[in-house]
Amino acid sequence: MSWFHLIFGLIFFFVFTTTGSFMRADFPDKDIIPQDLRLLMRSRHIYILFSALIHISLGVYLRMRAEMWRRMVQIVGSAILAASSCILLWGFIVETYYTGQFSDISRWGIYLSLAGIGLHLIGGFSRNREH
């Protein structure tokens, strides 16, 4: 599972750099853009980086637990985090390029990130610190 997170995180880091290139090419006159749209674009762009860094960190440090219930909680947390990343990317595309305004898409991506990290915290926490 840690390899999944590491590879997924590196892919999303590449997506982060690509979306930055799109923003630079599509909106070269940053001073002309209304400040609320500029803030929206930049925040949604940073959310992609935030998501990539969560996956990269899990890819480096994740230890799957031996107990079946803990392992299942970790797997569900990983699935939710992957879905969250996709929703954050979708939010960037929709809110920046289609609607040009705030929506609930990115909010739900952040909420799912919180849920996925919470599940990893529950599944990964152990009193025995030698693992």
C-alpha atoms as a PDB file:
ATOM      1  CA  MET A   1       0.000   0.000   0.000  1.00  0.00           C
ATOM      2  CA  SER A   2       2.879   2.387   0.649  1.00  0.00           C
ATOM      3  CA  TRP A   3       4.025   1.984  -2.962  1.00  0.00           C
ATOM      4  CA  PHE A   4       0.555   2.961  -4.137  1.00  0.00           C
ATOM      5  CA  HIS A   5       0.691   6.169  -2.120  1.00  0.00           C
ATOM      6  CA  LEU A   6       4.212   7.005  -3.225  1.00  0.00           C
ATOM      7  CA  ILE A   7       3.466   6.515  -6.923  1.00  0.00           C
ATOM      8  CA  PHE A   8       0.065   8.209  -6.673  1.00  0.00           C
ATOM      9  CA  GLY A   9       1.635  11.135  -4.810  1.00  0.00           C
ATOM     10  CA  LEU A  10       4.384  11.548  -7.391  1.00  0.00           C
ATOM     11  CA  ILE A  11       1.803  11.468 -10.174  1.00  0.00           C
ATOM     12  CA  PHE A  12      -0.225  14.142  -8.419  1.00  0.00           C
ATOM     13  CA  PHE A  13       2.907  16.219  -7.860  1.00  0.00           C
ATOM     14  CA  PHE A  14       3.397  16.089 -11.622  1.00  0.00           C
ATOM     15  CA  VAL A  15      -0.269  17.090 -12.028  1.00  0.00           C
ATOM     16  CA  PHE A  16       0.421  20.022  -9.683  1.00  0.00           C
ATOM     17  CA  THR A  17       3.293  21.246 -11.861  1.00  0.00           C
ATOM     18  CA  THR A  18       1.209  20.716 -15.006  1.00  0.00           C
ATOM     19  CA  THR A  19      -1.756  22.677 -13.662  1.00  0.00           C
ATOM     20  CA  GLY A  20       0.660  25.461 -12.750  1.00  0.00           C
ATOM     21  CA  SER A  21       1.875  25.522 -16.341  1.00  0.00           C
ATOM     22  CA  PHE A  22      -1.718  25.671 -17.563  1.00  0.00           C
ATOM     23  CA  MET A  23      -2.453  28.599 -15.278  1.00  0.00           C
ATOM     24  CA  ARG A  24       0.629  30.447 -16.479  1.00  0.00           C
ATOM     25  CA  ALA A  25      -0.272  29.866 -20.136  1.00  0.00           C
ATOM     26  CA  ASP A  26      -4.022  30.466 -19.857  1.00  0.00           C
ATOM     27  CA  PHE A  27      -3.869  33.499 -17.554  1.00  0.00           C
ATOM     28  CA  PRO A  28      -0.640  35.359 -18.412  1.00  0.00           C
ATOM     29  CA  ASP A  29      -1.977  38.772 -17.309  1.00  0.00           C
ATOM     30  CA  LYS A  30      -2.397  38.129 -13.615  1.00  0.00           C
ATOM     31  CA  ASP A  31      -3.072  41.792 -12.843  1.00  0.00           C
ATOM     32  CA  ILE A  32      -6.143  41.850 -15.094  1.00  0.00           C
ATOM     33  CA  ILE A  33      -7.825  38.854 -13.441  1.00  0.00           C
ATOM     34  CA  PRO A  34     -10.243  39.748 -10.632  1.00  0.00           C
ATOM     35  CA  GLN A  35      -8.608  39.040  -7.278  1.00  0.00           C
ATOM     36  CA  ASP A  36     -11.327  36.646  -6.140  1.00  0.00           C
ATOM     37  CA  LEU A  37     -10.832  34.470  -9.249  1.00  0.00           C
ATOM     38  CA  ARG A  38      -7.056  34.599  -8.801  1.00  0.00           C
ATOM     39  CA  LEU A  39      -7.402  33.529  -5.180  1.00  0.00           C
ATOM     40  CA  LEU A  40      -9.729  30.705  -6.209  1.00  0.00           C
ATOM     41  CA  MET A  41      -7.307  29.453  -8.863  1.00  0.00           C
ATOM     42  CA  ARG A  42      -4.289  29.575  -6.590  1.00  0.00           C
ATOM     43  CA  SER A  43      -6.033  27.889  -3.667  1.00  0.00           C
ATOM     44  CA  ARG A  44      -7.363  25.058  -5.833  1.00  0.00           C
ATOM     45  CA  HIS A  45      -3.899  24.661  -7.310  1.00  0.00           C
ATOM     46  CA  ILE A  46      -2.354  24.432  -3.829  1.00  0.00           C
ATOM     47  CA  TYR A  47      -4.961  21.841  -2.823  1.00  0.00           C
ATOM     48  CA  ILE A  48      -3.498  19.545  -5.489  1.00  0.00           C
ATOM     49  CA  LEU A  49      -0.045  20.007  -3.953  1.00  0.00           C
ATOM     50  CA  PHE A  50      -1.519  19.381  -0.489  1.00  0.00           C
ATOM     51  CA  SER A  51      -3.004  16.118  -1.725  1.00  0.00           C
ATOM     52  CA  ALA A  52       0.207  15.006  -3.423  1.00  0.00           C
ATOM     53  CA  LEU A  53       2.237  15.650  -0.280  1.00  0.00           C
ATOM     54  CA  ILE A  54      -0.176  13.609   1.854  1.00  0.00           C
ATOM     55  CA  HIS A  55       0.290  10.644  -0.491  1.00  0.00           C
ATOM     56  CA  ILE A  56       4.059  11.033  -0.682  1.00  0.00           C
ATOM     57  CA  SER A  57       4.278  11.174   3.119  1.00  0.00           C
ATOM     58  CA  LEU A  58       2.153   8.060   3.465  1.00  0.00           C
ATOM     59  CA  GLY A  59       4.230   6.377   0.777  1.00  0.00           C
ATOM     60  CA  VAL A  60       7.358   6.904   2.824  1.00  0.00           C
ATOM     61  CA  TYR A  61       6.023   6.232   6.332  1.00  0.00           C
ATOM     62  CA  LEU A  62       2.951   3.982   6.072  1.00  0.00           C
ATOM     63  CA  ARG A  63       3.139   0.709   7.950  1.00  0.00           C
ATOM     64  CA  MET A  64       0.202  -1.593   7.440  1.00  0.00           C
ATOM     65  CA  ARG A  65      -0.956  -3.097  10.714  1.00  0.00           C
ATOM     66  CA  ALA A  66      -1.178  -6.826  11.300  1.00  0.00           C
ATOM     67  CA  GLU A  67      -4.648  -6.779  12.881  1.00  0.00           C
ATOM     68  CA  MET A  68      -7.249  -7.258  10.165  1.00  0.00           C
ATOM     69  CA  TRP A  69      -9.597  -4.509  11.372  1.00  0.00           C
ATOM     70  CA  ARG A  70      -6.757  -1.973  11.530  1.00  0.00           C
ATOM     71  CA  ARG A  71      -5.544  -2.978   8.078  1.00  0.00           C
ATOM     72  CA  MET A  72      -9.061  -2.601   6.648  1.00  0.00           C
ATOM     73  CA  VAL A  73      -9.433   0.846   8.224  1.00  0.00           C
ATOM     74  CA  GLN A  74      -6.118   1.841   6.632  1.00  0.00           C
ATOM     75  CA  ILE A  75      -7.198   0.517   3.235  1.00  0.00           C
ATOM     76  CA  VAL A  76     -10.496   2.392   3.402  1.00  0.00           C
ATOM     77  CA  GLY A  77      -8.585   5.515   4.444  1.00  0.00           C
ATOM     78  CA  SER A  78      -6.299   5.113   1.439  1.00  0.00           C
ATOM     79  CA  ALA A  79      -9.252   4.706  -0.921  1.00  0.00           C
ATOM     80  CA  ILE A  80     -10.888   7.827   0.500  1.00  0.00           C
ATOM     81  CA  LEU A  81      -7.638   9.777   0.110  1.00  0.00           C
ATOM     82  CA  ALA A  82      -7.331   8.689  -3.521  1.00  0.00           C
ATOM     83  CA  ALA A  83     -10.926   9.767  -4.160  1.00  0.00           C
ATOM     84  CA  SER A  84     -10.205  13.049  -2.407  1.00  0.00           C
ATOM     85  CA  SER A  85      -7.265  13.730  -4.713  1.00  0.00           C
ATOM     86  CA  CYS A  86      -9.397  13.137  -7.787  1.00  0.00           C
ATOM     87  CA  ILE A  87     -12.141  15.392  -6.426  1.00  0.00           C
ATOM     88  CA  LEU A  88      -9.629  18.156  -5.712  1.00  0.00           C
ATOM     89  CA  LEU A  89      -8.338  17.936  -9.268  1.00  0.00           C
ATOM     90  CA  TRP A  90     -11.903  17.977 -10.579  1.00  0.00           C
ATOM     91  CA  GLY A  91     -12.604  21.002  -8.387  1.00  0.00           C
ATOM     92  CA  PHE A  92      -9.598  22.818  -9.839  1.00  0.00           C
ATOM     93  CA  ILE A  93     -10.770  22.186 -13.383  1.00  0.00           C
ATOM     94  CA  VAL A  94     -14.442  23.009 -12.820  1.00  0.00           C
ATOM     95  CA  GLU A  95     -14.014  25.999 -10.528  1.00  0.00           C
ATOM     96  CA  THR A  96     -11.138  27.568 -12.466  1.00  0.00           C
ATOM     97  CA  TYR A  97     -12.088  26.911 -16.067  1.00  0.00           C
ATOM     98  CA  TYR A  98     -15.840  26.280 -16.199  1.00  0.00           C
ATOM     99  CA  THR A  99     -17.631  28.169 -13.456  1.00  0.00           C
ATOM    100  CA  GLY A 100     -14.986  30.680 -12.397  1.00  0.00           C
ATOM    101  CA  GLN A 101     -16.441  30.731  -8.922  1.00  0.00           C
ATOM    102  CA  PHE A 102     -16.399  28.873  -5.636  1.00  0.00           C
ATOM    103  CA  SER A 103     -18.381  25.646  -5.332  1.00  0.00           C
ATOM    104  CA  ASP A 104     -18.646  22.703  -2.974  1.00  0.00           C
ATOM    105  CA  ILE A 105     -16.407  20.426  -5.041  1.00  0.00           C
ATOM    106  CA  SER A 106     -13.113  21.399  -3.417  1.00  0.00           C
ATOM    107  CA  ARG A 107     -14.737  21.618   0.005  1.00  0.00           C
ATOM    108  CA  TRP A 108     -15.762  17.955  -0.249  1.00  0.00           C
ATOM    109  CA  GLY A 109     -12.270  17.056  -1.422  1.00  0.00           C
ATOM    110  CA  ILE A 110     -10.832  18.636   1.725  1.00  0.00           C
ATOM    111  CA  TYR A 111     -13.434  16.927   3.918  1.00  0.00           C
ATOM    112  CA  LEU A 112     -12.561  13.572   2.357  1.00  0.00           C
ATOM    113  CA  SER A 113      -8.862  14.247   2.968  1.00  0.00           C
ATOM    114  CA  LEU A 114      -9.662  14.818   6.618  1.00  0.00           C
ATOM    115  CA  ALA A 115     -11.687  11.593   6.744  1.00  0.00           C
ATOM    116  CA  GLY A 116      -8.935   9.564   5.055  1.00  0.00           C
ATOM    117  CA  ILE A 117      -6.247  10.883   7.391  1.00  0.00           C
ATOM    118  CA  GLY A 118      -8.546  10.257  10.357  1.00  0.00           C
ATOM    119  CA  LEU A 119      -9.005   6.643   9.298  1.00  0.00           C
ATOM    120  CA  HIS A 120      -5.248   6.219   8.913  1.00  0.00           C
ATOM    121  CA  LEU A 121      -4.812   7.664  12.378  1.00  0.00           C
ATOM    122  CA  ILE A 122      -7.344   5.225  13.836  1.00  0.00           C
ATOM    123  CA  GLY A 123      -6.039   2.215  11.926  1.00  0.00           C
ATOM    124  CA  GLY A 124      -2.377   3.001  12.359  1.00  0.00           C
ATOM    125  CA  PHE A 125      -2.293   4.012  16.003  1.00  0.00           C
ATOM    126  CA  SER A 126      -0.799   1.380  18.243  1.00  0.00           C
ATOM    127  CA  ARG A 127       0.351   1.350  21.850  1.00  0.00           C
ATOM    128  CA  ASN A 128       3.185  -0.890  20.785  1.00  0.00           C
ATOM    129  CA  ARG A 129       5.547   1.668  19.211  1.00  0.00           C
ATOM    130  CA  GLU A 130       8.096  -0.847  17.882  1.00  0.00           C
ATOM    131  CA  HIS A 131       6.271  -1.211  14.525  1.00  0.00           C
END
